[in-house]
Structures are given as structure tokens and as C-alpha cells.
Amino acid sequence: GGAKTEKDKENSKLYSTAYWKKQRIAQLSKAPLCAACLIEGRVVPAVHIDHVFPHRQDDKKFKINLFQSLCQPHHSLKTHDENQGLYNYYSPNGIIQYTDADYAKQITDQTEFTQNI
């Protein structure tokens, strides 16, 4: 438990917006299963919509990002790797590891990058 940090409060604000609720439903209807489990040959319902590139409360990154559907264990695992500066994208072709440097490249490469804005 413990007190909510400023970061938690900012995140709650972002995640409770109508924009995000719509984004979440759109992503889950498009990809209802955990992308990481699928790579491992398992069919598991997703519970988290993950921003492949951490948004860190940046409004642009919050909205324009690469999204993936993940189960709770894989979301935790990804967050752990994220703290090492590696962002796991569980693509249909296997795991791709991005870094901050890839963000600009990915958002201009529309074949890889989808946005619902």
C-alpha cells in the first residue's frame, strides 16, 4: 500500500479519461488475448493495455504509442525490463526490444505503428 505518489495521481487522471477508456476497448476488441502468451503458444485473456514506449505522463506519448494487450504476469515482466531501458514488444513475429531512441522512428513508420486518434 502506502500513499499515492504524484505519479500515481497523474496516471490515474490519464487512465480515467474518456479517451483512454475508448482506446482500451478498441485495443481489447482488436487484440483480446495476451500477445506475449500467444508467442509462447498459450491462449490467455489480456487484462492490461500496455504502452510499448513508457509515456511517463507525457500526453503525446500517452496517446501516440504502440499498444499491446498483456496478461498481468507479462505486464509485470515488461515493467521490470522497462526499468532497464528495454521495451518489449510482443509482435506476431516474436519479441522486439525497443529503446527510447526507437520512439520517433516507430511513430513515423506507419506500417509498424498503429494509432487510433
N, C-alpha and C. Protein backbone atom coordinates (compact mmCIF):
# COMPACT_ATOMS: atom_id res chain seq x y z
N GLY A 1 0.81 -1.22 0.00
CA GLY A 1 0.00 0.00 0.00
C GLY A 1 0.83 1.25 0.00
N GLY A 2 0.68 2.08 1.01
CA GLY A 2 1.41 3.35 1.08
C GLY A 2 0.65 4.44 0.36
N ALA A 3 1.11 5.67 0.53
CA ALA A 3 0.44 6.81 -0.06
C ALA A 3 0.63 6.83 -1.58
N LYS A 4 -0.34 7.41 -2.25
CA LYS A 4 -0.23 7.55 -3.71
C LYS A 4 0.77 8.64 -4.02
N THR A 5 1.67 8.35 -4.93
CA THR A 5 2.65 9.36 -5.34
C THR A 5 1.99 10.31 -6.34
N GLU A 6 2.68 11.41 -6.63
CA GLU A 6 2.20 12.35 -7.64
C GLU A 6 2.05 11.61 -8.97
N LYS A 7 3.02 10.75 -9.25
CA LYS A 7 3.00 9.98 -10.49
C LYS A 7 1.73 9.12 -10.56
N ASP A 8 1.39 8.46 -9.47
CA ASP A 8 0.18 7.64 -9.43
C ASP A 8 -1.07 8.48 -9.70
N LYS A 9 -1.09 9.67 -9.08
CA LYS A 9 -2.24 10.55 -9.27
C LYS A 9 -2.36 10.99 -10.72
N GLU A 10 -1.24 11.38 -11.32
CA GLU A 10 -1.24 11.79 -12.73
C GLU A 10 -1.69 10.63 -13.62
N ASN A 11 -1.17 9.43 -13.34
CA ASN A 11 -1.54 8.25 -14.11
C ASN A 11 -3.03 7.96 -14.00
N SER A 12 -3.57 8.04 -12.77
CA SER A 12 -4.99 7.79 -12.57
C SER A 12 -5.82 8.74 -13.42
N LYS A 13 -5.37 10.00 -13.48
CA LYS A 13 -6.07 11.00 -14.27
C LYS A 13 -6.09 10.60 -15.74
N LEU A 14 -4.92 10.23 -16.26
CA LEU A 14 -4.82 9.84 -17.67
C LEU A 14 -5.68 8.62 -17.97
N TYR A 15 -5.60 7.61 -17.08
CA TYR A 15 -6.29 6.36 -17.34
C TYR A 15 -7.80 6.44 -17.11
N SER A 16 -8.26 7.50 -16.44
CA SER A 16 -9.70 7.61 -16.23
C SER A 16 -10.38 8.49 -17.28
N THR A 17 -9.60 8.99 -18.24
CA THR A 17 -10.19 9.84 -19.28
C THR A 17 -11.06 9.02 -20.24
N ALA A 18 -12.02 9.71 -20.86
CA ALA A 18 -12.88 9.07 -21.86
C ALA A 18 -12.02 8.56 -23.01
N TYR A 19 -11.00 9.35 -23.36
CA TYR A 19 -10.09 8.95 -24.44
C TYR A 19 -9.52 7.56 -24.16
N TRP A 20 -8.98 7.39 -22.96
CA TRP A 20 -8.33 6.11 -22.65
C TRP A 20 -9.33 4.95 -22.60
N LYS A 21 -10.50 5.21 -22.01
CA LYS A 21 -11.49 4.14 -21.92
C LYS A 21 -11.86 3.64 -23.31
N LYS A 22 -11.97 4.58 -24.26
CA LYS A 22 -12.30 4.23 -25.64
C LYS A 22 -11.12 3.47 -26.27
N GLN A 23 -9.92 3.97 -26.03
CA GLN A 23 -8.71 3.34 -26.56
C GLN A 23 -8.58 1.90 -26.05
N ARG A 24 -8.86 1.74 -24.76
CA ARG A 24 -8.74 0.43 -24.13
C ARG A 24 -9.71 -0.58 -24.75
N ILE A 25 -10.96 -0.15 -24.93
CA ILE A 25 -11.97 -1.02 -25.52
C ILE A 25 -11.60 -1.37 -26.96
N ALA A 26 -11.11 -0.37 -27.71
CA ALA A 26 -10.71 -0.59 -29.10
C ALA A 26 -9.57 -1.61 -29.17
N GLN A 27 -8.58 -1.44 -28.31
CA GLN A 27 -7.43 -2.35 -28.30
C GLN A 27 -7.85 -3.77 -27.90
N LEU A 28 -8.68 -3.87 -26.87
CA LEU A 28 -9.11 -5.20 -26.42
C LEU A 28 -10.00 -5.91 -27.44
N SER A 29 -10.77 -5.13 -28.21
CA SER A 29 -11.61 -5.78 -29.21
C SER A 29 -10.76 -6.25 -30.38
N LYS A 30 -9.68 -5.50 -30.64
CA LYS A 30 -8.74 -5.85 -31.71
C LYS A 30 -7.84 -7.00 -31.29
N ALA A 31 -7.41 -6.97 -30.04
CA ALA A 31 -6.47 -7.97 -29.52
C ALA A 31 -6.86 -8.38 -28.11
N PRO A 32 -7.82 -9.29 -27.98
CA PRO A 32 -8.33 -9.66 -26.65
C PRO A 32 -7.41 -10.58 -25.85
N LEU A 33 -6.40 -11.14 -26.52
CA LEU A 33 -5.51 -12.09 -25.84
C LEU A 33 -4.14 -11.49 -25.56
N CYS A 34 -3.48 -12.04 -24.55
CA CYS A 34 -2.13 -11.58 -24.21
C CYS A 34 -1.18 -11.91 -25.36
N ALA A 35 -0.56 -10.86 -25.92
CA ALA A 35 0.35 -11.01 -27.06
C ALA A 35 1.57 -11.86 -26.71
N ALA A 36 2.05 -11.72 -25.48
CA ALA A 36 3.23 -12.47 -25.05
C ALA A 36 2.91 -13.95 -24.89
N CYS A 37 1.75 -14.26 -24.32
CA CYS A 37 1.35 -15.66 -24.17
C CYS A 37 1.17 -16.33 -25.54
N LEU A 38 0.63 -15.57 -26.50
CA LEU A 38 0.44 -16.12 -27.84
C LEU A 38 1.77 -16.58 -28.44
N ILE A 39 2.82 -15.77 -28.23
CA ILE A 39 4.15 -16.14 -28.73
C ILE A 39 4.59 -17.46 -28.09
N GLU A 40 4.21 -17.65 -26.83
CA GLU A 40 4.58 -18.88 -26.11
C GLU A 40 3.61 -20.02 -26.37
N GLY A 41 2.64 -19.78 -27.25
CA GLY A 41 1.70 -20.83 -27.63
C GLY A 41 0.56 -21.05 -26.65
N ARG A 42 0.28 -20.02 -25.82
CA ARG A 42 -0.82 -20.14 -24.87
C ARG A 42 -1.89 -19.10 -25.18
N VAL A 43 -3.13 -19.43 -24.87
CA VAL A 43 -4.25 -18.52 -25.11
C VAL A 43 -4.73 -18.00 -23.76
N VAL A 44 -4.40 -16.76 -23.46
CA VAL A 44 -4.72 -16.17 -22.17
C VAL A 44 -5.35 -14.79 -22.39
N PRO A 45 -6.50 -14.52 -21.77
CA PRO A 45 -7.13 -13.20 -21.93
C PRO A 45 -6.22 -12.09 -21.42
N ALA A 46 -6.19 -10.98 -22.14
CA ALA A 46 -5.39 -9.83 -21.72
C ALA A 46 -6.17 -9.02 -20.69
N VAL A 47 -5.47 -8.42 -19.74
CA VAL A 47 -6.12 -7.52 -18.78
C VAL A 47 -5.53 -6.12 -18.83
N HIS A 48 -4.31 -6.01 -19.37
CA HIS A 48 -3.65 -4.70 -19.44
C HIS A 48 -3.47 -4.26 -20.88
N ILE A 49 -3.69 -2.97 -21.14
CA ILE A 49 -3.30 -2.41 -22.42
C ILE A 49 -2.01 -1.68 -22.12
N ASP A 50 -0.96 -2.17 -22.72
CA ASP A 50 0.38 -1.66 -22.41
C ASP A 50 0.85 -0.67 -23.47
N HIS A 51 1.46 0.43 -22.99
CA HIS A 51 2.15 1.36 -23.88
C HIS A 51 3.55 0.77 -24.07
N VAL A 52 3.88 0.35 -25.29
CA VAL A 52 5.20 -0.24 -25.51
C VAL A 52 6.29 0.76 -25.10
N PHE A 53 6.12 2.01 -25.51
CA PHE A 53 7.05 3.07 -25.08
C PHE A 53 6.43 3.75 -23.86
N PRO A 54 7.10 3.71 -22.70
CA PRO A 54 6.52 4.31 -21.49
C PRO A 54 6.18 5.78 -21.74
N HIS A 55 4.99 6.20 -21.32
CA HIS A 55 4.57 7.58 -21.60
C HIS A 55 5.06 8.55 -20.55
N ARG A 56 5.32 8.07 -19.33
CA ARG A 56 5.78 8.93 -18.23
C ARG A 56 5.00 10.24 -18.15
N GLN A 57 3.67 10.11 -18.21
CA GLN A 57 2.74 11.24 -18.11
C GLN A 57 2.87 12.26 -19.24
N ASP A 58 3.55 11.91 -20.32
CA ASP A 58 3.65 12.79 -21.48
C ASP A 58 2.39 12.55 -22.32
N ASP A 59 1.59 13.61 -22.48
CA ASP A 59 0.30 13.46 -23.14
C ASP A 59 0.42 12.90 -24.56
N LYS A 60 1.43 13.36 -25.29
CA LYS A 60 1.63 12.90 -26.66
C LYS A 60 1.95 11.40 -26.66
N LYS A 61 2.89 11.00 -25.82
CA LYS A 61 3.26 9.58 -25.76
C LYS A 61 2.13 8.72 -25.20
N PHE A 62 1.29 9.33 -24.38
CA PHE A 62 0.17 8.58 -23.83
C PHE A 62 -0.79 8.20 -24.96
N LYS A 63 -0.99 9.15 -25.90
CA LYS A 63 -1.95 8.92 -26.98
C LYS A 63 -1.34 8.30 -28.23
N ILE A 64 -0.13 8.70 -28.56
CA ILE A 64 0.51 8.18 -29.77
C ILE A 64 1.60 7.22 -29.35
N ASN A 65 1.31 5.94 -29.50
CA ASN A 65 2.23 4.93 -28.99
C ASN A 65 1.96 3.64 -29.73
N LEU A 66 2.72 2.64 -29.38
CA LEU A 66 2.47 1.30 -29.87
C LEU A 66 1.80 0.61 -28.70
N PHE A 67 0.62 0.03 -28.93
CA PHE A 67 -0.11 -0.60 -27.83
C PHE A 67 -0.12 -2.11 -27.99
N GLN A 68 -0.13 -2.78 -26.85
CA GLN A 68 -0.27 -4.24 -26.90
C GLN A 68 -1.09 -4.70 -25.72
N SER A 69 -1.79 -5.81 -25.91
CA SER A 69 -2.63 -6.40 -24.87
C SER A 69 -1.80 -7.45 -24.12
N LEU A 70 -1.77 -7.34 -22.78
CA LEU A 70 -0.96 -8.25 -21.99
C LEU A 70 -1.73 -8.80 -20.78
N CYS A 71 -1.33 -9.98 -20.31
CA CYS A 71 -1.86 -10.51 -19.05
C CYS A 71 -1.07 -9.85 -17.92
N GLN A 72 -1.53 -10.04 -16.69
CA GLN A 72 -0.87 -9.42 -15.54
C GLN A 72 0.61 -9.84 -15.39
N PRO A 73 0.93 -11.16 -15.42
CA PRO A 73 2.35 -11.54 -15.26
C PRO A 73 3.26 -10.95 -16.33
N HIS A 74 2.83 -10.95 -17.59
CA HIS A 74 3.68 -10.39 -18.64
C HIS A 74 3.79 -8.87 -18.53
N HIS A 75 2.73 -8.22 -18.05
CA HIS A 75 2.80 -6.78 -17.86
C HIS A 75 3.84 -6.45 -16.78
N SER A 76 3.86 -7.23 -15.71
CA SER A 76 4.86 -7.02 -14.64
C SER A 76 6.27 -7.25 -15.16
N LEU A 77 6.42 -8.30 -15.94
CA LEU A 77 7.72 -8.63 -16.52
C LEU A 77 8.20 -7.50 -17.43
N LYS A 78 7.29 -6.98 -18.24
CA LYS A 78 7.66 -5.91 -19.15
C LYS A 78 8.06 -4.66 -18.38
N THR A 79 7.31 -4.35 -17.32
CA THR A 79 7.64 -3.18 -16.50
C THR A 79 9.02 -3.33 -15.87
N HIS A 80 9.36 -4.54 -15.46
CA HIS A 80 10.68 -4.82 -14.90
C HIS A 80 11.78 -4.53 -15.94
N ASP A 81 11.60 -5.02 -17.16
CA ASP A 81 12.59 -4.78 -18.22
C ASP A 81 12.64 -3.31 -18.62
N GLU A 82 11.50 -2.67 -18.54
CA GLU A 82 11.37 -1.26 -18.87
C GLU A 82 12.30 -0.42 -18.01
N ASN A 83 12.44 -0.85 -16.75
CA ASN A 83 13.33 -0.13 -15.84
C ASN A 83 14.80 -0.27 -16.23
N GLN A 84 15.10 -1.25 -17.10
CA GLN A 84 16.46 -1.38 -17.63
C GLN A 84 16.59 -0.63 -18.97
N GLY A 85 15.51 0.06 -19.37
CA GLY A 85 15.54 0.81 -20.63
C GLY A 85 15.22 -0.03 -21.86
N LEU A 86 14.68 -1.23 -21.65
CA LEU A 86 14.30 -2.10 -22.78
C LEU A 86 12.79 -2.28 -22.79
N TYR A 87 12.19 -2.00 -23.93
CA TYR A 87 10.74 -2.08 -24.04
C TYR A 87 10.35 -3.25 -24.93
N ASN A 88 9.78 -4.28 -24.32
CA ASN A 88 9.41 -5.48 -25.07
C ASN A 88 8.11 -5.29 -25.83
N TYR A 89 8.20 -5.51 -27.13
CA TYR A 89 7.00 -5.50 -27.97
C TYR A 89 6.79 -6.94 -28.44
N TYR A 90 5.68 -7.52 -27.99
CA TYR A 90 5.38 -8.91 -28.33
C TYR A 90 4.65 -8.94 -29.66
N SER A 91 5.41 -8.93 -30.74
CA SER A 91 4.84 -8.88 -32.08
C SER A 91 4.48 -10.28 -32.56
N PRO A 92 3.65 -10.37 -33.61
CA PRO A 92 3.31 -11.70 -34.15
C PRO A 92 4.56 -12.46 -34.62
N ASN A 93 5.64 -11.73 -34.87
CA ASN A 93 6.88 -12.37 -35.33
C ASN A 93 7.87 -12.62 -34.21
N GLY A 94 7.43 -12.46 -32.97
CA GLY A 94 8.34 -12.66 -31.85
C GLY A 94 8.58 -11.36 -31.09
N ILE A 95 9.43 -11.43 -30.08
CA ILE A 95 9.67 -10.27 -29.23
C ILE A 95 10.65 -9.30 -29.88
N ILE A 96 10.25 -8.04 -29.93
CA ILE A 96 11.14 -6.99 -30.42
C ILE A 96 11.45 -6.11 -29.21
N GLN A 97 12.73 -5.79 -29.02
CA GLN A 97 13.08 -4.90 -27.90
C GLN A 97 13.42 -3.53 -28.43
N TYR A 98 12.63 -2.56 -28.00
CA TYR A 98 12.85 -1.17 -28.39
C TYR A 98 13.53 -0.42 -27.26
N THR A 99 14.09 0.74 -27.61
CA THR A 99 14.62 1.66 -26.60
C THR A 99 14.01 3.03 -26.89
N ASP A 100 14.31 4.01 -26.04
CA ASP A 100 13.78 5.36 -26.24
C ASP A 100 14.10 5.89 -27.64
N ALA A 101 15.27 5.54 -28.14
CA ALA A 101 15.71 6.03 -29.45
C ALA A 101 14.79 5.58 -30.59
N ASP A 102 14.06 4.48 -30.37
CA ASP A 102 13.19 3.95 -31.42
C ASP A 102 11.85 4.66 -31.52
N TYR A 103 11.50 5.44 -30.50
CA TYR A 103 10.16 6.03 -30.47
C TYR A 103 9.83 6.85 -31.72
N ALA A 104 10.67 7.82 -32.03
CA ALA A 104 10.41 8.70 -33.18
C ALA A 104 10.34 7.90 -34.47
N LYS A 105 11.23 6.93 -34.60
CA LYS A 105 11.28 6.10 -35.79
C LYS A 105 9.97 5.31 -35.93
N GLN A 106 9.51 4.75 -34.83
CA GLN A 106 8.30 3.93 -34.87
C GLN A 106 7.05 4.73 -35.20
N ILE A 107 6.95 5.94 -34.66
CA ILE A 107 5.71 6.67 -34.92
C ILE A 107 5.66 7.23 -36.32
N THR A 108 6.78 7.30 -37.03
CA THR A 108 6.72 7.77 -38.40
C THR A 108 6.59 6.58 -39.35
N ASP A 109 6.89 5.39 -38.87
CA ASP A 109 6.76 4.20 -39.69
C ASP A 109 5.38 3.59 -39.47
N GLN A 110 4.41 4.07 -40.23
CA GLN A 110 3.02 3.69 -40.01
C GLN A 110 2.71 2.21 -40.23
N THR A 111 3.61 1.48 -40.91
CA THR A 111 3.33 0.07 -41.13
C THR A 111 3.41 -0.69 -39.82
N GLU A 112 4.32 -0.26 -38.96
CA GLU A 112 4.55 -0.94 -37.70
C GLU A 112 3.68 -0.33 -36.60
N PHE A 113 3.31 0.91 -36.82
CA PHE A 113 2.75 1.70 -35.74
C PHE A 113 1.31 2.05 -35.98
N THR A 114 0.41 1.65 -35.12
CA THR A 114 -0.99 2.00 -35.33
C THR A 114 -1.45 2.96 -34.25
N GLN A 115 -2.23 3.92 -34.63
CA GLN A 115 -2.79 4.83 -33.63
C GLN A 115 -4.26 5.04 -33.91
N ASN A 116 -5.01 5.17 -32.87
CA ASN A 116 -6.46 5.37 -33.01
C ASN A 116 -6.82 6.76 -32.53
N ILE A 117 -6.48 7.75 -33.33
CA ILE A 117 -6.76 9.12 -32.88
C ILE A 117 -7.69 9.80 -33.87
